[in-house]
């Protein structure tokens, strides 16, 4: 099954038209024609079965045949990850985390961040592409970048963790994870969190954790953390 994404569809939608780019892909590349079936999600858990009623490369129109809603994840995973120096490394993390199963992502700007400004438009496209590829019906929420200081003002429900590289007393991530639990994990930049940031996190009841015995790149650490949570919940 090939999955398409359209955030405008609701249970009450009877028909809709794909944009020009998607229409061209469906008709010219996939060679779909009138009467063919397409599956579409709105990123809110719904899978819509649709039938093509107009097959033009500039306008592919479909009608809703039926729909169903899937159960959401039994856990909520929120990764707050500092932007990497190279955008493609952050995009790799977004793609892999989305494929595995994640609920929310927040880019956090830290004291040691080499990249202080990012645009999330392309990040949105990476995430949308990843849910289509992995046949998922829930689109992860991508928040706008926020400073570490301001993120500490947000009260995240559930288990709050910070993965830093300092040689201090830390628990292994696998030892603190439990199934069906809401989790927020902080992942720092290449230069790690500053001492001030680590202290602030601890004061806000974040538990320091280790992701293993080796020092990981930011994007690798984020994927390892994501996979650990998914594995515990399988």
Foldseek 3Di string as FASTA:
>chain_A
DFEAEDQPDDPPAFKDKDALVVLLCVCVVVVDDFQDWYWYANQQQKIFIWTFHHRDSHITMITTPDMDGDDAFLEAEEEAFAQAPDNVLVLVLLLLLLLLDHAEYEHEHAPPHPDDDDDCPVSQVSQNVSCRVNVHRHGHYYDYYYYLVVVLVDDDPWAAAEEWDDPDDAAALLVPAAASTYYYYYFYAPVTHDPVSVVSCVVSVHGYHYLDDDDDHRSVSSSSSSVSNSVNHD
